[in-house]
Amino acid sequence: MANSSTRRDFVKTAMAGSVIGLSDLGFLSSLPSVSAKDTQLDPKVVQLKPEIEPMVRLLEETPREKLLEEVADRIHKGTTYREVLAALLLAGVRNVEPRPSVGF
């Protein structure tokens, strides 16, 4: 019984935390919608081109609590979803820190 009570408490806490965490995301409703086509990356775009580097640096250097607002601002100023997605992919690849396997 104590185990299911603990799980329920955890779920309630997690849900409350999610709602609180999402409460500051009202600015997202003003962004244009994304189509399935917008999420498809062109292989030519997923290269570290000079024009994508500023977005990659923005993703790497902006504090987490300000990142969504900064990206939304860039989209409002003309950055495309594809450029954001490409920068996100490149930032993720560039910042991979390999870890040795367990027992290494």
Protein backbone atom coordinates (compact mmCIF):
# COMPACT_ATOMS: atom_id res chain seq x y z
CA MET A 1 0.00 0.00 0.00
CA ALA A 2 2.75 2.46 0.89
CA ASN A 3 4.34 1.89 -2.50
CA SER A 4 1.23 2.87 -4.49
CA SER A 5 0.69 5.88 -2.22
CA THR A 6 4.26 6.98 -2.90
CA ARG A 7 3.69 6.60 -6.64
CA ARG A 8 0.50 8.66 -6.46
CA ASP A 9 2.31 11.38 -4.53
CA PHE A 10 5.09 11.38 -7.10
CA VAL A 11 2.65 11.64 -10.02
CA LYS A 12 0.75 14.49 -8.33
CA THR A 13 3.98 16.36 -7.65
CA ALA A 14 5.27 15.79 -11.18
CA MET A 15 2.01 16.98 -12.71
CA ALA A 16 1.93 20.09 -10.51
CA GLY A 17 5.54 20.84 -11.43
CA SER A 18 4.74 20.45 -15.12
CA VAL A 19 1.83 22.87 -14.91
CA ILE A 20 3.92 25.41 -13.01
CA GLY A 21 6.78 25.01 -15.47
CA LEU A 22 4.50 25.59 -18.46
CA SER A 23 2.82 28.67 -17.02
CA ASP A 24 5.55 30.98 -18.34
CA LEU A 25 5.23 29.77 -21.94
CA GLY A 26 2.36 32.01 -23.04
CA PHE A 27 4.55 33.65 -25.68
CA LEU A 28 4.57 30.37 -27.62
CA SER A 29 0.96 30.90 -28.70
CA SER A 30 2.03 33.87 -30.82
CA LEU A 31 4.43 31.77 -32.92
CA PRO A 32 3.33 30.51 -36.34
CA SER A 33 2.28 26.86 -36.50
CA VAL A 34 4.73 24.20 -37.72
CA SER A 35 3.80 21.84 -40.53
CA ALA A 36 5.18 18.35 -40.98
CA LYS A 37 7.10 19.69 -43.98
CA ASP A 38 8.82 22.25 -41.75
CA THR A 39 10.25 19.46 -39.61
CA GLN A 40 11.98 17.70 -42.51
CA LEU A 41 15.62 18.66 -42.73
CA ASP A 42 17.33 19.15 -46.06
CA PRO A 43 20.75 17.43 -45.82
CA LYS A 44 22.33 20.54 -47.38
CA VAL A 45 21.07 22.61 -44.43
CA VAL A 46 22.56 20.32 -41.79
CA GLN A 47 26.08 21.59 -42.27
CA LEU A 48 27.90 24.08 -40.14
CA LYS A 49 27.49 26.97 -42.52
CA PRO A 50 28.55 30.45 -41.41
CA GLU A 51 24.93 31.68 -41.39
CA ILE A 52 23.78 28.89 -39.03
CA GLU A 53 26.66 29.35 -36.57
CA PRO A 54 25.05 32.31 -34.71
CA MET A 55 21.95 30.19 -33.97
CA VAL A 56 24.12 27.29 -32.79
CA ARG A 57 25.99 29.65 -30.46
CA LEU A 58 22.69 31.08 -29.21
CA LEU A 59 21.53 27.56 -28.31
CA GLU A 60 24.83 26.77 -26.61
CA GLU A 61 25.32 30.00 -24.68
CA THR A 62 21.86 31.27 -23.71
CA PRO A 63 20.75 30.42 -20.17
CA ARG A 64 18.14 27.67 -20.20
CA GLU A 65 15.42 29.84 -18.63
CA LYS A 66 15.72 32.41 -21.45
CA LEU A 67 16.34 30.10 -24.41
CA LEU A 68 12.76 29.56 -25.62
CA GLU A 69 12.05 33.29 -25.57
CA GLU A 70 15.27 34.03 -27.49
CA VAL A 71 14.50 31.39 -30.14
CA ALA A 72 10.92 32.69 -30.46
CA ASP A 73 12.32 36.20 -30.94
CA ARG A 74 14.60 34.94 -33.73
CA ILE A 75 11.66 33.21 -35.41
CA HIS A 76 9.67 36.44 -35.25
CA LYS A 77 12.62 38.17 -36.93
CA GLY A 78 12.71 35.68 -39.81
CA THR A 79 14.68 32.63 -38.68
CA THR A 80 12.94 29.56 -40.09
CA TYR A 81 11.99 26.46 -38.13
CA ARG A 82 14.35 24.49 -40.36
CA GLU A 83 17.24 26.74 -39.39
CA VAL A 84 16.37 26.32 -35.69
CA LEU A 85 16.12 22.56 -36.10
CA ALA A 86 19.43 22.39 -37.97
CA ALA A 87 21.13 24.53 -35.30
CA LEU A 88 19.65 22.37 -32.55
CA LEU A 89 20.96 19.23 -34.22
CA LEU A 90 24.40 20.75 -34.75
CA ALA A 91 24.60 22.10 -31.20
CA GLY A 92 23.64 18.68 -29.86
CA VAL A 93 26.22 16.88 -31.98
CA ARG A 94 28.92 19.42 -31.23
CA ASN A 95 28.37 19.17 -27.49
CA VAL A 96 28.25 15.40 -27.09
CA GLU A 97 30.42 14.30 -24.23
CA PRO A 98 31.07 10.58 -24.65
CA ARG A 99 31.02 8.68 -21.41
CA PRO A 100 32.73 5.35 -20.87
CA SER A 101 30.42 2.37 -20.57
CA VAL A 102 29.63 0.95 -17.15
CA GLY A 103 32.62 -0.91 -15.78
CA PHE A 104 35.08 0.83 -18.11
